[in-house]
Amino acid sequence: MDILETARVRQYELTYLMPGSLSSSEVSKINEAVEKLLKKHGIKILSQDDWGKKDLAYPIKFKSKKNYDGFYNHIVIETDASKIGEFEKGLHLIQEIIRHLIVLAEAETSSVEDLKVE
């Protein structure tokens, strides 16, 4: 007898960093490439927030140049865990992304009573 495993859909947060030397049109092209990659892997975008250009805590060398600032973008996505690995491989191929981070989003607690430990 075959047991069917149901895919467990979870929310993830994706934050990525692009060089601060890019123009706004180049940044929007990279954002479009990331959105296209998400759609290619069947990952649902729940929200997207452009954090803009910010100073880095330390310089990051990227393409033989030190970057002291960068453009940040934050996306909340929803998918099953099996798709995250393949998506991340594709994200590595977008050459203008300096760093990225994908984390499992924490469940929000609705009340203080949810935090009590018995």
N, C-alpha and C. Protein backbone atom coordinates (compact mmCIF):
# COMPACT_ATOMS: atom_id res chain seq x y z
N MET A 1 0.83 -1.17 0.00
CA MET A 1 0.00 0.00 0.00
C MET A 1 0.89 1.25 0.00
N ASP A 2 0.63 2.14 -0.92
CA ASP A 2 1.41 3.38 -1.01
C ASP A 2 0.82 4.43 -0.08
N ILE A 3 1.69 5.07 0.65
CA ILE A 3 1.27 6.16 1.52
C ILE A 3 1.61 7.47 0.81
N LEU A 4 0.61 8.28 0.61
CA LEU A 4 0.83 9.56 -0.04
C LEU A 4 1.23 10.60 1.00
N GLU A 5 2.31 11.26 0.73
CA GLU A 5 2.74 12.33 1.61
C GLU A 5 2.17 13.64 1.08
N THR A 6 1.52 14.38 1.95
CA THR A 6 1.01 15.67 1.55
C THR A 6 2.09 16.72 1.75
N ALA A 7 2.16 17.63 0.84
CA ALA A 7 3.16 18.69 0.93
C ALA A 7 2.74 19.67 2.02
N ARG A 8 3.67 19.99 2.89
CA ARG A 8 3.39 20.93 3.97
C ARG A 8 3.78 22.33 3.51
N VAL A 9 2.78 23.15 3.35
CA VAL A 9 3.01 24.51 2.88
C VAL A 9 3.39 25.38 4.07
N ARG A 10 4.49 26.11 3.90
CA ARG A 10 4.99 26.99 4.95
C ARG A 10 5.30 28.36 4.38
N GLN A 11 5.41 29.31 5.27
CA GLN A 11 5.81 30.66 4.87
C GLN A 11 7.30 30.84 5.13
N TYR A 12 7.95 31.48 4.19
CA TYR A 12 9.37 31.78 4.29
C TYR A 12 9.58 33.26 4.03
N GLU A 13 10.69 33.77 4.54
CA GLU A 13 11.07 35.14 4.27
C GLU A 13 12.38 35.12 3.48
N LEU A 14 12.38 35.83 2.37
CA LEU A 14 13.55 35.94 1.51
C LEU A 14 14.01 37.39 1.54
N THR A 15 15.27 37.61 1.90
CA THR A 15 15.87 38.94 1.85
C THR A 15 17.12 38.83 1.01
N TYR A 16 17.27 39.74 0.06
CA TYR A 16 18.48 39.71 -0.76
C TYR A 16 19.05 41.11 -0.92
N LEU A 17 20.35 41.14 -1.20
CA LEU A 17 21.13 42.37 -1.27
C LEU A 17 21.76 42.52 -2.64
N MET A 18 21.65 43.72 -3.19
CA MET A 18 22.24 44.04 -4.48
C MET A 18 23.22 45.20 -4.30
N PRO A 19 24.22 45.35 -5.16
CA PRO A 19 25.20 46.43 -5.01
C PRO A 19 24.55 47.81 -5.04
N GLY A 20 25.09 48.73 -4.24
CA GLY A 20 24.56 50.08 -4.18
C GLY A 20 24.90 50.91 -5.40
N SER A 21 25.80 50.43 -6.23
CA SER A 21 26.20 51.17 -7.44
C SER A 21 25.22 50.99 -8.60
N LEU A 22 24.21 50.17 -8.45
CA LEU A 22 23.25 49.92 -9.52
C LEU A 22 22.28 51.08 -9.67
N SER A 23 21.78 51.26 -10.87
CA SER A 23 20.74 52.26 -11.10
C SER A 23 19.38 51.69 -10.71
N SER A 24 18.39 52.55 -10.60
CA SER A 24 17.06 52.07 -10.20
C SER A 24 16.46 51.13 -11.25
N SER A 25 16.78 51.35 -12.52
CA SER A 25 16.27 50.45 -13.56
C SER A 25 16.93 49.08 -13.47
N GLU A 26 18.21 49.04 -13.13
CA GLU A 26 18.90 47.76 -12.96
C GLU A 26 18.35 47.00 -11.75
N VAL A 27 18.06 47.72 -10.68
CA VAL A 27 17.48 47.10 -9.48
C VAL A 27 16.12 46.52 -9.80
N SER A 28 15.30 47.24 -10.54
CA SER A 28 13.97 46.72 -10.88
C SER A 28 14.07 45.50 -11.81
N LYS A 29 15.07 45.44 -12.68
CA LYS A 29 15.27 44.27 -13.54
C LYS A 29 15.63 43.04 -12.70
N ILE A 30 16.47 43.24 -11.68
CA ILE A 30 16.84 42.12 -10.81
C ILE A 30 15.62 41.66 -10.01
N ASN A 31 14.84 42.61 -9.51
CA ASN A 31 13.62 42.25 -8.77
C ASN A 31 12.66 41.46 -9.65
N GLU A 32 12.54 41.86 -10.91
CA GLU A 32 11.69 41.14 -11.86
C GLU A 32 12.23 39.73 -12.11
N ALA A 33 13.55 39.59 -12.19
CA ALA A 33 14.16 38.28 -12.40
C ALA A 33 13.88 37.36 -11.21
N VAL A 34 13.92 37.91 -9.99
CA VAL A 34 13.63 37.10 -8.80
C VAL A 34 12.15 36.70 -8.80
N GLU A 35 11.26 37.62 -9.14
CA GLU A 35 9.83 37.30 -9.21
C GLU A 35 9.56 36.23 -10.26
N LYS A 36 10.22 36.34 -11.40
CA LYS A 36 10.06 35.35 -12.47
C LYS A 36 10.54 33.97 -12.00
N LEU A 37 11.65 33.94 -11.26
CA LEU A 37 12.18 32.69 -10.72
C LEU A 37 11.21 32.08 -9.71
N LEU A 38 10.61 32.91 -8.87
CA LEU A 38 9.62 32.43 -7.90
C LEU A 38 8.43 31.80 -8.62
N LYS A 39 7.94 32.48 -9.65
CA LYS A 39 6.80 31.96 -10.42
C LYS A 39 7.16 30.67 -11.15
N LYS A 40 8.39 30.59 -11.64
CA LYS A 40 8.85 29.39 -12.34
C LYS A 40 8.78 28.16 -11.44
N HIS A 41 9.09 28.35 -10.16
CA HIS A 41 9.09 27.24 -9.21
C HIS A 41 7.74 27.08 -8.49
N GLY A 42 6.75 27.86 -8.91
CA GLY A 42 5.41 27.73 -8.33
C GLY A 42 5.33 28.22 -6.89
N ILE A 43 6.12 29.23 -6.56
CA ILE A 43 6.15 29.78 -5.21
C ILE A 43 5.29 31.03 -5.17
N LYS A 44 4.40 31.07 -4.20
CA LYS A 44 3.45 32.17 -4.08
C LYS A 44 4.07 33.33 -3.30
N ILE A 45 3.97 34.55 -3.85
CA ILE A 45 4.45 35.75 -3.19
C ILE A 45 3.31 36.32 -2.35
N LEU A 46 3.53 36.42 -1.03
CA LEU A 46 2.52 36.97 -0.14
C LEU A 46 2.67 38.48 0.03
N SER A 47 3.89 38.94 0.17
CA SER A 47 4.14 40.38 0.26
C SER A 47 5.57 40.66 -0.17
N GLN A 48 5.78 41.88 -0.60
CA GLN A 48 7.09 42.29 -1.06
C GLN A 48 7.35 43.70 -0.54
N ASP A 49 8.55 43.92 -0.02
CA ASP A 49 8.89 45.21 0.56
C ASP A 49 10.28 45.61 0.10
N ASP A 50 10.37 46.74 -0.59
CA ASP A 50 11.66 47.26 -1.03
C ASP A 50 12.21 48.13 0.10
N TRP A 51 13.30 47.69 0.70
CA TRP A 51 13.89 48.42 1.84
C TRP A 51 14.79 49.55 1.38
N GLY A 52 15.06 49.64 0.11
CA GLY A 52 15.86 50.72 -0.43
C GLY A 52 17.36 50.54 -0.22
N LYS A 53 18.08 51.65 -0.38
CA LYS A 53 19.53 51.64 -0.29
C LYS A 53 19.94 51.93 1.15
N LYS A 54 20.78 51.04 1.71
CA LYS A 54 21.23 51.18 3.09
C LYS A 54 22.74 50.94 3.16
N ASP A 55 23.37 51.55 4.16
CA ASP A 55 24.79 51.30 4.41
C ASP A 55 24.97 49.90 4.95
N LEU A 56 26.08 49.27 4.57
CA LEU A 56 26.41 47.94 5.08
C LEU A 56 27.19 48.07 6.39
N ALA A 57 27.08 47.08 7.24
CA ALA A 57 27.80 47.08 8.51
C ALA A 57 29.30 46.96 8.27
N TYR A 58 29.68 46.31 7.20
CA TYR A 58 31.08 46.15 6.82
C TYR A 58 31.14 46.05 5.30
N PRO A 59 32.25 46.44 4.69
CA PRO A 59 32.33 46.36 3.23
C PRO A 59 32.32 44.91 2.74
N ILE A 60 31.62 44.69 1.66
CA ILE A 60 31.55 43.37 1.04
C ILE A 60 32.19 43.45 -0.35
N LYS A 61 33.19 42.63 -0.57
CA LYS A 61 33.85 42.61 -1.87
C LYS A 61 33.00 41.78 -2.83
N PHE A 62 32.65 42.41 -3.95
CA PHE A 62 31.82 41.75 -4.95
C PHE A 62 32.30 42.18 -6.32
N LYS A 63 32.67 41.24 -7.15
CA LYS A 63 33.22 41.50 -8.49
C LYS A 63 34.42 42.44 -8.41
N SER A 64 35.33 42.12 -7.50
CA SER A 64 36.60 42.85 -7.32
C SER A 64 36.41 44.30 -6.89
N LYS A 65 35.27 44.63 -6.32
CA LYS A 65 35.02 45.99 -5.87
C LYS A 65 34.39 45.94 -4.48
N LYS A 66 34.86 46.81 -3.58
CA LYS A 66 34.27 46.87 -2.25
C LYS A 66 32.97 47.66 -2.29
N ASN A 67 31.94 47.09 -1.71
CA ASN A 67 30.63 47.75 -1.63
C ASN A 67 30.40 48.19 -0.19
N TYR A 68 30.06 49.45 -0.03
CA TYR A 68 29.80 50.01 1.29
C TYR A 68 28.31 50.23 1.54
N ASP A 69 27.51 50.07 0.50
CA ASP A 69 26.06 50.18 0.63
C ASP A 69 25.41 49.24 -0.38
N GLY A 70 24.12 49.03 -0.22
CA GLY A 70 23.43 48.11 -1.12
C GLY A 70 21.93 48.29 -1.06
N PHE A 71 21.25 47.76 -2.07
CA PHE A 71 19.80 47.78 -2.13
C PHE A 71 19.27 46.48 -1.55
N TYR A 72 18.33 46.60 -0.64
CA TYR A 72 17.73 45.43 0.01
C TYR A 72 16.30 45.25 -0.50
N ASN A 73 15.90 43.99 -0.62
CA ASN A 73 14.52 43.65 -0.95
C ASN A 73 14.11 42.48 -0.06
N HIS A 74 12.89 42.53 0.44
CA HIS A 74 12.38 41.52 1.36
C HIS A 74 11.06 40.99 0.81
N ILE A 75 10.95 39.66 0.68
CA ILE A 75 9.75 39.04 0.14
C ILE A 75 9.29 37.94 1.08
N VAL A 76 7.99 37.93 1.38
CA VAL A 76 7.40 36.83 2.14
C VAL A 76 6.75 35.90 1.12
N ILE A 77 7.14 34.62 1.17
CA ILE A 77 6.67 33.65 0.19
C ILE A 77 6.01 32.47 0.90
N GLU A 78 5.27 31.70 0.12
CA GLU A 78 4.61 30.52 0.66
C GLU A 78 4.80 29.36 -0.32
N THR A 79 5.33 28.26 0.20
CA THR A 79 5.56 27.08 -0.63
C THR A 79 5.85 25.89 0.26
N ASP A 80 5.95 24.72 -0.35
CA ASP A 80 6.38 23.57 0.44
C ASP A 80 7.90 23.50 0.40
N ALA A 81 8.46 22.85 1.40
CA ALA A 81 9.91 22.84 1.61
C ALA A 81 10.69 22.23 0.44
N SER A 82 10.07 21.33 -0.30
CA SER A 82 10.78 20.66 -1.39
C SER A 82 11.18 21.61 -2.52
N LYS A 83 10.51 22.76 -2.65
CA LYS A 83 10.80 23.69 -3.74
C LYS A 83 11.88 24.71 -3.38
N ILE A 84 12.17 24.87 -2.10
CA ILE A 84 13.11 25.90 -1.67
C ILE A 84 14.53 25.63 -2.19
N GLY A 85 14.98 24.39 -2.15
CA GLY A 85 16.33 24.06 -2.59
C GLY A 85 16.57 24.40 -4.06
N GLU A 86 15.66 24.01 -4.91
CA GLU A 86 15.80 24.29 -6.35
C GLU A 86 15.71 25.79 -6.62
N PHE A 87 14.82 26.48 -5.89
CA PHE A 87 14.71 27.92 -6.06
C PHE A 87 16.03 28.61 -5.67
N GLU A 88 16.62 28.16 -4.57
CA GLU A 88 17.86 28.78 -4.10
C GLU A 88 19.00 28.56 -5.10
N LYS A 89 19.03 27.41 -5.75
CA LYS A 89 20.04 27.17 -6.79
C LYS A 89 19.90 28.18 -7.92
N GLY A 90 18.66 28.45 -8.30
CA GLY A 90 18.41 29.44 -9.34
C GLY A 90 18.77 30.85 -8.89
N LEU A 91 18.56 31.13 -7.61
CA LEU A 91 18.88 32.45 -7.06
C LEU A 91 20.39 32.70 -7.12
N HIS A 92 21.18 31.66 -6.93
CA HIS A 92 22.64 31.79 -7.01
C HIS A 92 23.08 32.18 -8.43
N LEU A 93 22.28 31.89 -9.43
CA LEU A 93 22.65 32.18 -10.81
C LEU A 93 22.39 33.63 -11.20
N ILE A 94 21.64 34.36 -10.39
CA ILE A 94 21.44 35.79 -10.66
C ILE A 94 22.68 36.50 -10.13
N GLN A 95 23.54 36.91 -11.04
CA GLN A 95 24.89 37.37 -10.69
C GLN A 95 24.92 38.68 -9.92
N GLU A 96 23.89 39.50 -10.01
CA GLU A 96 23.91 40.80 -9.36
C GLU A 96 23.51 40.74 -7.89
N ILE A 97 23.10 39.58 -7.39
CA ILE A 97 22.73 39.45 -5.99
C ILE A 97 23.99 39.12 -5.19
N ILE A 98 24.32 40.02 -4.25
CA ILE A 98 25.54 39.84 -3.44
C ILE A 98 25.32 38.76 -2.39
N ARG A 99 24.25 38.89 -1.64
CA ARG A 99 23.90 37.94 -0.58
C ARG A 99 22.40 37.74 -0.56
N HIS A 100 21.98 36.58 -0.04
CA HIS A 100 20.56 36.34 0.18
C HIS A 100 20.38 35.48 1.41
N LEU A 101 19.20 35.54 1.97
CA LEU A 101 18.88 34.75 3.15
C LEU A 101 17.42 34.31 3.05
N ILE A 102 17.20 33.01 3.22
CA ILE A 102 15.85 32.45 3.26
C ILE A 102 15.66 31.81 4.62
N VAL A 103 14.64 32.27 5.34
CA VAL A 103 14.36 31.72 6.66
C VAL A 103 12.89 31.33 6.75
N LEU A 104 12.61 30.36 7.59
CA LEU A 104 11.24 29.95 7.85
C LEU A 104 10.59 31.01 8.71
N ALA A 105 9.45 31.52 8.27
CA ALA A 105 8.75 32.57 9.02
C ALA A 105 8.13 31.97 10.27
N GLU A 106 8.26 32.69 11.38
CA GLU A 106 7.68 32.22 12.63
C GLU A 106 6.18 32.47 12.63
N ALA A 107 5.48 31.58 13.31
CA ALA A 107 4.04 31.77 13.45
C ALA A 107 3.79 32.91 14.43
N GLU A 108 2.85 33.77 14.09
CA GLU A 108 2.52 34.87 14.98
C GLU A 108 1.63 34.36 16.11
N THR A 109 1.90 34.82 17.32
CA THR A 109 1.04 34.45 18.44
C THR A 109 -0.10 35.45 18.53
N SER A 110 -1.29 34.95 18.79
CA SER A 110 -2.45 35.83 18.80
C SER A 110 -2.72 36.45 20.16
N SER A 111 -2.20 35.86 21.21
CA SER A 111 -2.43 36.43 22.53
C SER A 111 -1.28 36.08 23.47
N VAL A 112 -1.28 36.73 24.61
CA VAL A 112 -0.24 36.48 25.61
C VAL A 112 -0.38 35.06 26.17
N GLU A 113 -1.57 34.54 26.21
CA GLU A 113 -1.80 33.21 26.77
C GLU A 113 -1.14 32.12 25.94
N ASP A 114 -0.91 32.38 24.66
CA ASP A 114 -0.21 31.41 23.82
C ASP A 114 1.24 31.25 24.24
N LEU A 115 1.79 32.26 24.92
CA LEU A 115 3.18 32.23 25.32
C LEU A 115 3.41 31.55 26.67
N LYS A 116 2.34 31.25 27.39
CA LYS A 116 2.48 30.64 28.72
C LYS A 116 3.02 29.22 28.61
N VAL A 117 3.92 28.88 29.51
CA VAL A 117 4.49 27.55 29.57
C VAL A 117 3.94 26.86 30.80
N GLU A 118 3.41 25.68 30.62
CA GLU A 118 2.84 24.94 31.76
C GLU A 118 3.83 23.98 32.33
